[in-house]
């Protein structure tokens, strides 16, 4: 502990700003890919299941 304090560096300076930016961009891309995947799955699934939904609505009426 004392050796770190004497060196003048704290725990927050261990990683370079470039690495932090890269990880941030990577996380954003991962979330966008996930969102696009969900959109594609639901856009494929909802139209194919519309007959069941119409039957469900007709049964409720």
C-alpha atoms as a PDB file:
ATOM      1  CA  UNK A   1       0.000   0.000   0.000  1.00  0.00           C
ATOM      2  CA  UNK A   2       2.675   2.483   0.988  1.00  0.00           C
ATOM      3  CA  UNK A   3       4.740   1.727  -2.103  1.00  0.00           C
ATOM      4  CA  UNK A   4       1.827   2.732  -4.335  1.00  0.00           C
ATOM      5  CA  UNK A   5       1.327   5.970  -2.457  1.00  0.00           C
ATOM      6  CA  UNK A   6       5.011   6.759  -2.744  1.00  0.00           C
ATOM      7  CA  UNK A   7       4.919   6.162  -6.499  1.00  0.00           C
ATOM      8  CA  UNK A   8       2.199   8.757  -6.948  1.00  0.00           C
ATOM      9  CA  UNK A   9      -0.236   6.477  -8.757  1.00  0.00           C
ATOM     10  CA  UNK A  10      -3.623   5.439  -7.503  1.00  0.00           C
ATOM     11  CA  UNK A  11      -5.668   2.436  -8.603  1.00  0.00           C
ATOM     12  CA  UNK A  12      -7.622   4.376 -11.256  1.00  0.00           C
ATOM     13  CA  UNK A  13      -4.566   5.030 -13.455  1.00  0.00           C
ATOM     14  CA  UNK A  14      -3.710   1.402 -14.135  1.00  0.00           C
ATOM     15  CA  UNK A  15      -5.414   1.225 -17.538  1.00  0.00           C
ATOM     16  CA  UNK A  16      -4.742   3.457 -20.488  1.00  0.00           C
ATOM     17  CA  UNK A  17      -7.501   5.730 -21.836  1.00  0.00           C
ATOM     18  CA  UNK A  18      -7.303   3.934 -25.179  1.00  0.00           C
ATOM     19  CA  UNK A  19      -8.146   0.613 -23.586  1.00  0.00           C
ATOM     20  CA  UNK A  20     -11.074   2.107 -21.684  1.00  0.00           C
ATOM     21  CA  UNK A  21     -12.401   3.706 -24.873  1.00  0.00           C
ATOM     22  CA  UNK A  22     -12.022   0.412 -26.738  1.00  0.00           C
ATOM     23  CA  UNK A  23     -13.933  -1.461 -24.042  1.00  0.00           C
ATOM     24  CA  UNK A  24     -16.682   1.184 -24.099  1.00  0.00           C
ATOM     25  CA  UNK A  25     -17.039   0.930 -27.868  1.00  0.00           C
ATOM     26  CA  UNK A  26     -17.029  -2.855 -27.608  1.00  0.00           C
ATOM     27  CA  UNK A  27     -19.838  -2.808 -25.042  1.00  0.00           C
ATOM     28  CA  UNK A  28     -21.906  -0.402 -27.139  1.00  0.00           C
ATOM     29  CA  UNK A  29     -21.445  -2.582 -30.241  1.00  0.00           C
ATOM     30  CA  UNK A  30     -22.390  -5.658 -28.243  1.00  0.00           C
ATOM     31  CA  UNK A  31     -25.604  -4.008 -27.051  1.00  0.00           C
ATOM     32  CA  UNK A  32     -26.471  -2.814 -30.574  1.00  0.00           C
ATOM     33  CA  UNK A  33     -25.906  -6.299 -31.994  1.00  0.00           C
ATOM     34  CA  UNK A  34     -28.101  -7.742 -29.248  1.00  0.00           C
ATOM     35  CA  UNK A  35     -30.854  -5.202 -29.935  1.00  0.00           C
ATOM     36  CA  UNK A  36     -30.695  -5.874 -33.683  1.00  0.00           C
ATOM     37  CA  UNK A  37     -30.889  -9.611 -33.036  1.00  0.00           C
ATOM     38  CA  UNK A  38     -33.964  -9.190 -30.832  1.00  0.00           C
ATOM     39  CA  UNK A  39     -35.604  -6.992 -33.463  1.00  0.00           C
ATOM     40  CA  UNK A  40     -34.982  -9.574 -36.188  1.00  0.00           C
ATOM     41  CA  UNK A  41     -36.290 -12.461 -34.079  1.00  0.00           C
ATOM     42  CA  UNK A  42     -39.467 -10.641 -33.100  1.00  0.00           C
ATOM     43  CA  UNK A  43     -40.072  -9.323 -36.611  1.00  0.00           C
ATOM     44  CA  UNK A  44     -39.837 -12.924 -37.835  1.00  0.00           C
ATOM     45  CA  UNK A  45     -41.858 -14.452 -35.006  1.00  0.00           C
ATOM     46  CA  UNK A  46     -44.760 -11.993 -34.716  1.00  0.00           C
ATOM     47  CA  UNK A  47     -46.025 -12.195 -38.311  1.00  0.00           C
ATOM     48  CA  UNK A  48     -45.754 -15.982 -38.299  1.00  0.00           C
ATOM     49  CA  UNK A  49     -47.845 -16.203 -35.129  1.00  0.00           C
ATOM     50  CA  UNK A  50     -50.589 -13.776 -36.200  1.00  0.00           C
ATOM     51  CA  UNK A  51     -53.100 -16.574 -36.936  1.00  0.00           C
ATOM     52  CA  UNK A  52     -52.849 -17.815 -33.352  1.00  0.00           C
ATOM     53  CA  UNK A  53     -53.274 -14.251 -32.081  1.00  0.00           C
ATOM     54  CA  UNK A  54     -56.388 -13.740 -34.213  1.00  0.00           C
ATOM     55  CA  UNK A  55     -57.833 -17.013 -32.901  1.00  0.00           C
ATOM     56  CA  UNK A  56     -57.122 -15.846 -29.364  1.00  0.00           C
ATOM     57  CA  UNK A  57     -58.878 -12.521 -29.954  1.00  0.00           C
ATOM     58  CA  UNK A  58     -61.857 -14.242 -31.612  1.00  0.00           C
ATOM     59  CA  UNK A  59     -62.219 -16.621 -28.656  1.00  0.00           C
ATOM     60  CA  UNK A  60     -62.247 -13.716 -26.195  1.00  0.00           C
ATOM     61  CA  UNK A  61     -65.014 -11.873 -28.045  1.00  0.00           C
END
